[in-house]
Amino acid sequence: MNLIDRVKNIITRPNTEWDVIDAEQTDSNKIITGYVLPLAGAAAIAAFIGYALVGVNVFGFRVTGVNWGLYYALNVLISAILSVFICSFIVDALAPSFGSEKNYVKSLKLVAYSFTPAWIGGLLAIFPPIAIVGVLLGIYGLYLMYIGIPKLKKTPADKHVGYFVVILIVTILVYILIGWILTRILSSVFGLSYGTTLSF
């Protein structure tokens, strides 16, 4: 399955695509290098172009310039990779508690392919004023994850909702934590704050 077909199928017909994904024999390296990196990388490039060349007003301050572009691009790319690894590890660790199959590769599949709408939506960052629409598109990934859980993790029906809710909470917390850490590190590296206007 090539990248374009996988993106199209997981978004437009997720029920059948999850069955295809479940049957695929693959490894974590192929998922990361063949799927996560290209999509997250494209979203990162879009963010760089959007914030380096187009810019946006945030709280009355103009955010634009190469430093802002690099800041957002690295934020997108690093957070994507870290969140996929961390969330997959936690999803797999929690599996036995919800009568589900403990299989790291399948947990990685579940997380990586569920994040697809977020990375596709991230392409809208090429024009920052509408970037929020991309964030909203990412919410569709929650639905993808919900229907993917029983197919990939073999979760019993009576524990499906509970497992999903816990995964949802974990995903939100992971994103908040990674975002907070990256913001502190990258804003310091590039000397950025929303209280200043920098255009390099």
C-alpha atoms as a PDB file:
ATOM      1  CA  MET A   1       0.000   0.000   0.000  1.00  0.00           C
ATOM      2  CA  ASN A   2       1.538   3.288  -1.060  1.00  0.00           C
ATOM      3  CA  LEU A   3       1.378   6.437   1.030  1.00  0.00           C
ATOM      4  CA  ILE A   4      -1.276   8.276  -0.991  1.00  0.00           C
ATOM      5  CA  ASP A   5      -3.623   5.286  -1.098  1.00  0.00           C
ATOM      6  CA  ARG A   6      -3.227   4.686   2.619  1.00  0.00           C
ATOM      7  CA  VAL A   7      -4.021   8.310   3.454  1.00  0.00           C
ATOM      8  CA  LYS A   8      -7.028   8.332   1.148  1.00  0.00           C
ATOM      9  CA  ASN A   9      -8.378   5.009   2.393  1.00  0.00           C
ATOM     10  CA  ILE A  10      -7.915   5.582   6.116  1.00  0.00           C
ATOM     11  CA  ILE A  11      -9.764   8.894   5.812  1.00  0.00           C
ATOM     12  CA  THR A  12     -12.555   7.918   3.423  1.00  0.00           C
ATOM     13  CA  ARG A  13     -13.211   4.270   4.321  1.00  0.00           C
ATOM     14  CA  PRO A  14     -11.581   3.600   7.678  1.00  0.00           C
ATOM     15  CA  ASN A  15     -13.666   0.535   8.572  1.00  0.00           C
ATOM     16  CA  THR A  16     -12.343  -1.547   5.706  1.00  0.00           C
ATOM     17  CA  GLU A  17      -8.881   0.035   5.792  1.00  0.00           C
ATOM     18  CA  TRP A  18      -8.345  -0.942   9.433  1.00  0.00           C
ATOM     19  CA  ASP A  19      -8.942  -4.563   8.403  1.00  0.00           C
ATOM     20  CA  VAL A  20      -6.293  -4.215   5.694  1.00  0.00           C
ATOM     21  CA  ILE A  21      -3.881  -2.596   8.150  1.00  0.00           C
ATOM     22  CA  ASP A  22      -4.482  -5.315  10.735  1.00  0.00           C
ATOM     23  CA  ALA A  23      -3.568  -8.029   8.220  1.00  0.00           C
ATOM     24  CA  GLU A  24      -0.416  -6.309   6.979  1.00  0.00           C
ATOM     25  CA  GLN A  25       2.936  -7.747   7.979  1.00  0.00           C
ATOM     26  CA  THR A  26       5.194  -4.784   8.710  1.00  0.00           C
ATOM     27  CA  ASP A  27       7.547  -3.427  11.336  1.00  0.00           C
ATOM     28  CA  SER A  28       7.793  -0.228  13.317  1.00  0.00           C
ATOM     29  CA  ASN A  29      10.648   1.170  11.208  1.00  0.00           C
ATOM     30  CA  LYS A  30       8.582   1.004   8.016  1.00  0.00           C
ATOM     31  CA  ILE A  31       5.655   2.740   9.673  1.00  0.00           C
ATOM     32  CA  ILE A  32       7.848   5.558  10.989  1.00  0.00           C
ATOM     33  CA  THR A  33      10.039   6.082   7.929  1.00  0.00           C
ATOM     34  CA  GLY A  34       7.430   5.271   5.298  1.00  0.00           C
ATOM     35  CA  TYR A  35       4.399   6.993   6.798  1.00  0.00           C
ATOM     36  CA  VAL A  36       4.938   9.142   9.874  1.00  0.00           C
ATOM     37  CA  LEU A  37       8.036  10.997   8.654  1.00  0.00           C
ATOM     38  CA  PRO A  38       6.712  11.845   5.164  1.00  0.00           C
ATOM     39  CA  LEU A  39       3.372  13.151   6.473  1.00  0.00           C
ATOM     40  CA  ALA A  40       4.768  14.938   9.517  1.00  0.00           C
ATOM     41  CA  GLY A  41       7.607  16.249   7.355  1.00  0.00           C
ATOM     42  CA  ALA A  42       5.154  17.684   4.820  1.00  0.00           C
ATOM     43  CA  ALA A  43       3.210  19.364   7.636  1.00  0.00           C
ATOM     44  CA  ALA A  44       6.491  20.741   9.021  1.00  0.00           C
ATOM     45  CA  ILE A  45       7.463  22.174   5.625  1.00  0.00           C
ATOM     46  CA  ALA A  46       4.028  23.780   5.332  1.00  0.00           C
ATOM     47  CA  ALA A  47       4.471  25.302   8.790  1.00  0.00           C
ATOM     48  CA  PHE A  48       7.888  26.661   7.864  1.00  0.00           C
ATOM     49  CA  ILE A  49       6.590  28.283   4.679  1.00  0.00           C
ATOM     50  CA  GLY A  50       3.533  29.659   6.438  1.00  0.00           C
ATOM     51  CA  TYR A  51       5.267  31.202   9.416  1.00  0.00           C
ATOM     52  CA  ALA A  52       8.527  32.171   7.711  1.00  0.00           C
ATOM     53  CA  LEU A  53       7.012  33.779   4.626  1.00  0.00           C
ATOM     54  CA  VAL A  54       3.328  34.497   5.274  1.00  0.00           C
ATOM     55  CA  GLY A  55       3.059  35.086   9.005  1.00  0.00           C
ATOM     56  CA  VAL A  56       0.121  35.725  11.290  1.00  0.00           C
ATOM     57  CA  ASN A  57      -0.926  38.118  14.042  1.00  0.00           C
ATOM     58  CA  VAL A  58      -0.984  36.565  17.513  1.00  0.00           C
ATOM     59  CA  PHE A  59      -2.284  38.608  20.451  1.00  0.00           C
ATOM     60  CA  GLY A  60      -1.565  41.785  18.508  1.00  0.00           C
ATOM     61  CA  PHE A  61       1.996  40.790  17.589  1.00  0.00           C
ATOM     62  CA  ARG A  62       3.211  39.866  14.123  1.00  0.00           C
ATOM     63  CA  VAL A  63       4.667  36.362  13.998  1.00  0.00           C
ATOM     64  CA  THR A  64       6.784  35.955  10.894  1.00  0.00           C
ATOM     65  CA  GLY A  65      10.371  35.306   9.824  1.00  0.00           C
ATOM     66  CA  VAL A  66      12.756  32.406   9.338  1.00  0.00           C
ATOM     67  CA  ASN A  67      13.190  31.835  13.079  1.00  0.00           C
ATOM     68  CA  TRP A  68       9.441  31.531  13.574  1.00  0.00           C
ATOM     69  CA  GLY A  69       9.261  29.211  10.569  1.00  0.00           C
ATOM     70  CA  LEU A  70      11.959  26.941  11.983  1.00  0.00           C
ATOM     71  CA  TYR A  71      10.334  27.042  15.411  1.00  0.00           C
ATOM     72  CA  TYR A  72       6.966  25.854  14.127  1.00  0.00           C
ATOM     73  CA  ALA A  73       8.430  23.347  11.667  1.00  0.00           C
ATOM     74  CA  LEU A  74      10.577  21.662  14.319  1.00  0.00           C
ATOM     75  CA  ASN A  75       7.681  21.747  16.763  1.00  0.00           C
ATOM     76  CA  VAL A  76       5.462  19.907  14.284  1.00  0.00           C
ATOM     77  CA  LEU A  77       8.067  17.325  13.291  1.00  0.00           C
ATOM     78  CA  ILE A  78       9.502  16.539  16.727  1.00  0.00           C
ATOM     79  CA  SER A  79       6.122  16.450  18.476  1.00  0.00           C
ATOM     80  CA  ALA A  80       4.763  14.107  15.781  1.00  0.00           C
ATOM     81  CA  ILE A  81       7.572  11.590  16.190  1.00  0.00           C
ATOM     82  CA  LEU A  82       7.687  11.729  19.979  1.00  0.00           C
ATOM     83  CA  SER A  83       3.919  11.559  20.406  1.00  0.00           C
ATOM     84  CA  VAL A  84       3.635   8.531  18.115  1.00  0.00           C
ATOM     85  CA  PHE A  85       6.321   6.620  20.025  1.00  0.00           C
ATOM     86  CA  ILE A  86       5.138   7.597  23.503  1.00  0.00           C
ATOM     87  CA  CYS A  87       1.425   7.102  22.838  1.00  0.00           C
ATOM     88  CA  SER A  88       2.056   3.745  21.142  1.00  0.00           C
ATOM     89  CA  PHE A  89       4.072   2.552  24.113  1.00  0.00           C
ATOM     90  CA  ILE A  90       1.359   3.587  26.567  1.00  0.00           C
ATOM     91  CA  VAL A  91      -1.472   2.176  24.430  1.00  0.00           C
ATOM     92  CA  ASP A  92       0.344  -1.154  24.336  1.00  0.00           C
ATOM     93  CA  ALA A  93       1.162  -1.116  28.044  1.00  0.00           C
ATOM     94  CA  LEU A  94      -2.505  -0.502  28.891  1.00  0.00           C
ATOM     95  CA  ALA A  95      -3.832  -3.207  26.562  1.00  0.00           C
ATOM     96  CA  PRO A  96      -3.965  -6.095  29.080  1.00  0.00           C
ATOM     97  CA  SER A  97      -5.964  -3.945  31.508  1.00  0.00           C
ATOM     98  CA  PHE A  98      -8.726  -3.735  28.914  1.00  0.00           C
ATOM     99  CA  GLY A  99      -8.612  -7.342  27.736  1.00  0.00           C
ATOM    100  CA  SER A 100      -6.806  -6.279  24.582  1.00  0.00           C
ATOM    101  CA  GLU A 101      -3.931  -7.758  22.614  1.00  0.00           C
ATOM    102  CA  LYS A 102      -0.493  -6.584  23.704  1.00  0.00           C
ATOM    103  CA  ASN A 103       1.367  -6.031  20.455  1.00  0.00           C
ATOM    104  CA  TYR A 104       3.566  -2.964  20.043  1.00  0.00           C
ATOM    105  CA  VAL A 105       3.513  -2.897  16.236  1.00  0.00           C
ATOM    106  CA  LYS A 106      -0.286  -2.959  16.214  1.00  0.00           C
ATOM    107  CA  SER A 107      -0.371  -0.225  18.840  1.00  0.00           C
ATOM    108  CA  LEU A 108       1.983   1.797  16.651  1.00  0.00           C
ATOM    109  CA  LYS A 109      -0.257   1.216  13.639  1.00  0.00           C
ATOM    110  CA  LEU A 110      -3.295   2.358  15.615  1.00  0.00           C
ATOM    111  CA  VAL A 111      -1.664   5.576  16.778  1.00  0.00           C
ATOM    112  CA  ALA A 112       0.222   6.454  13.589  1.00  0.00           C
ATOM    113  CA  TYR A 113      -2.673   5.949  11.199  1.00  0.00           C
ATOM    114  CA  SER A 114      -5.142   7.644  13.554  1.00  0.00           C
ATOM    115  CA  PHE A 115      -2.973  10.761  13.524  1.00  0.00           C
ATOM    116  CA  THR A 116      -3.294  11.010   9.718  1.00  0.00           C
ATOM    117  CA  PRO A 117      -5.989  13.753   9.688  1.00  0.00           C
ATOM    118  CA  ALA A 118      -3.883  15.905  12.013  1.00  0.00           C
ATOM    119  CA  TRP A 119      -0.903  15.801   9.651  1.00  0.00           C
ATOM    120  CA  ILE A 120      -3.048  16.361   6.569  1.00  0.00           C
ATOM    121  CA  GLY A 121      -4.753  19.243   8.350  1.00  0.00           C
ATOM    122  CA  GLY A 122      -1.311  20.531   9.267  1.00  0.00           C
ATOM    123  CA  LEU A 123      -0.714  21.299   5.597  1.00  0.00           C
ATOM    124  CA  LEU A 124      -3.080  24.248   6.013  1.00  0.00           C
ATOM    125  CA  ALA A 125      -0.381  25.914   8.123  1.00  0.00           C
ATOM    126  CA  ILE A 126       1.077  27.045   4.811  1.00  0.00           C
ATOM    127  CA  PHE A 127      -1.422  29.895   5.284  1.00  0.00           C
ATOM    128  CA  PRO A 128      -1.380  30.457   9.085  1.00  0.00           C
ATOM    129  CA  PRO A 129      -4.683  32.377   9.339  1.00  0.00           C
ATOM    130  CA  ILE A 130      -6.554  29.148   8.500  1.00  0.00           C
ATOM    131  CA  ALA A 131      -4.249  26.790  10.410  1.00  0.00           C
ATOM    132  CA  ILE A 132      -6.925  26.343  13.088  1.00  0.00           C
ATOM    133  CA  VAL A 133      -9.071  24.554  10.481  1.00  0.00           C
ATOM    134  CA  GLY A 134      -6.305  21.978  10.195  1.00  0.00           C
ATOM    135  CA  VAL A 135      -6.383  21.478  13.955  1.00  0.00           C
ATOM    136  CA  LEU A 136     -10.128  20.842  13.781  1.00  0.00           C
ATOM    137  CA  LEU A 137      -9.607  18.321  10.982  1.00  0.00           C
ATOM    138  CA  GLY A 138      -7.302  16.454  13.338  1.00  0.00           C
ATOM    139  CA  ILE A 139     -10.262  15.725  15.592  1.00  0.00           C
ATOM    140  CA  TYR A 140     -11.455  13.246  12.969  1.00  0.00           C
ATOM    141  CA  GLY A 141      -8.476  11.152  14.023  1.00  0.00           C
ATOM    142  CA  LEU A 142     -10.274  10.408  17.284  1.00  0.00           C
ATOM    143  CA  TYR A 143     -13.035   8.698  15.337  1.00  0.00           C
ATOM    144  CA  LEU A 144     -10.453   6.724  13.369  1.00  0.00           C
ATOM    145  CA  MET A 145      -8.857   5.569  16.595  1.00  0.00           C
ATOM    146  CA  TYR A 146     -12.226   4.660  18.121  1.00  0.00           C
ATOM    147  CA  ILE A 147     -13.154   2.307  15.300  1.00  0.00           C
ATOM    148  CA  GLY A 148      -9.602   1.013  14.966  1.00  0.00           C
ATOM    149  CA  ILE A 149      -9.213  -0.135  18.575  1.00  0.00           C
ATOM    150  CA  PRO A 150     -11.295  -3.331  18.387  1.00  0.00           C
ATOM    151  CA  LYS A 151      -9.892  -4.226  14.973  1.00  0.00           C
ATOM    152  CA  LEU A 152      -6.202  -3.892  15.847  1.00  0.00           C
ATOM    153  CA  LYS A 153      -6.184  -4.470  19.597  1.00  0.00           C
ATOM    154  CA  LYS A 154      -8.988  -7.072  19.669  1.00  0.00           C
ATOM    155  CA  THR A 155     -10.651  -5.166  22.505  1.00  0.00           C
ATOM    156  CA  PRO A 156     -13.869  -6.718  23.886  1.00  0.00           C
ATOM    157  CA  ALA A 157     -17.011  -4.679  23.230  1.00  0.00           C
ATOM    158  CA  ASP A 158     -17.627  -4.040  26.929  1.00  0.00           C
ATOM    159  CA  LYS A 159     -14.161  -2.485  27.356  1.00  0.00           C
ATOM    160  CA  HIS A 160     -13.957  -0.612  24.067  1.00  0.00           C
ATOM    161  CA  VAL A 161     -15.222   2.756  25.313  1.00  0.00           C
ATOM    162  CA  GLY A 162     -13.144   2.639  28.499  1.00  0.00           C
ATOM    163  CA  TYR A 163      -9.964   1.852  26.578  1.00  0.00           C
ATOM    164  CA  PHE A 164     -10.682   4.635  24.105  1.00  0.00           C
ATOM    165  CA  VAL A 165     -11.327   7.209  26.833  1.00  0.00           C
ATOM    166  CA  VAL A 166      -8.066   6.349  28.590  1.00  0.00           C
ATOM    167  CA  ILE A 167      -6.138   6.510  25.307  1.00  0.00           C
ATOM    168  CA  LEU A 168      -7.760   9.868  24.557  1.00  0.00           C
ATOM    169  CA  ILE A 169      -6.741  11.283  27.937  1.00  0.00           C
ATOM    170  CA  VAL A 170      -3.210   9.929  27.560  1.00  0.00           C
ATOM    171  CA  THR A 171      -2.890  11.383  24.044  1.00  0.00           C
ATOM    172  CA  ILE A 172      -4.013  14.831  25.197  1.00  0.00           C
ATOM    173  CA  LEU A 173      -1.633  14.781  28.165  1.00  0.00           C
ATOM    174  CA  VAL A 174       1.270  13.606  26.009  1.00  0.00           C
ATOM    175  CA  TYR A 175       0.647  16.376  23.476  1.00  0.00           C
ATOM    176  CA  ILE A 176       0.405  19.012  26.195  1.00  0.00           C
ATOM    177  CA  LEU A 177       3.609  17.822  27.867  1.00  0.00           C
ATOM    178  CA  ILE A 178       5.574  17.548  24.624  1.00  0.00           C
ATOM    179  CA  GLY A 179       4.257  20.921  23.475  1.00  0.00           C
ATOM    180  CA  TRP A 180       5.221  22.579  26.739  1.00  0.00           C
ATOM    181  CA  ILE A 181       8.743  21.131  26.693  1.00  0.00           C
ATOM    182  CA  LEU A 182       9.350  21.919  23.017  1.00  0.00           C
ATOM    183  CA  THR A 183       8.009  25.443  23.387  1.00  0.00           C
ATOM    184  CA  ARG A 184      10.432  26.176  26.214  1.00  0.00           C
ATOM    185  CA  ILE A 185      13.397  24.623  24.433  1.00  0.00           C
ATOM    186  CA  LEU A 186      12.802  25.922  20.916  1.00  0.00           C
ATOM    187  CA  SER A 187      11.695  29.415  21.900  1.00  0.00           C
ATOM    188  CA  SER A 188      14.901  29.702  23.906  1.00  0.00           C
ATOM    189  CA  VAL A 189      17.046  28.347  21.057  1.00  0.00           C
ATOM    190  CA  PHE A 190      15.573  30.784  18.543  1.00  0.00           C
ATOM    191  CA  GLY A 191      15.158  33.661  20.990  1.00  0.00           C
ATOM    192  CA  LEU A 192      11.432  33.954  20.396  1.00  0.00           C
ATOM    193  CA  SER A 193       8.453  35.166  22.382  1.00  0.00           C
ATOM    194  CA  TYR A 194       5.014  36.389  21.442  1.00  0.00           C
ATOM    195  CA  GLY A 195       5.835  39.695  23.025  1.00  0.00           C
ATOM    196  CA  THR A 196       8.372  40.578  20.332  1.00  0.00           C
ATOM    197  CA  THR A 197       8.287  40.897  16.586  1.00  0.00           C
ATOM    198  CA  LEU A 198      11.114  39.081  14.854  1.00  0.00           C
ATOM    199  CA  SER A 199      11.605  38.950  11.096  1.00  0.00           C
ATOM    200  CA  PHE A 200      14.924  37.512   9.986  1.00  0.00           C
END
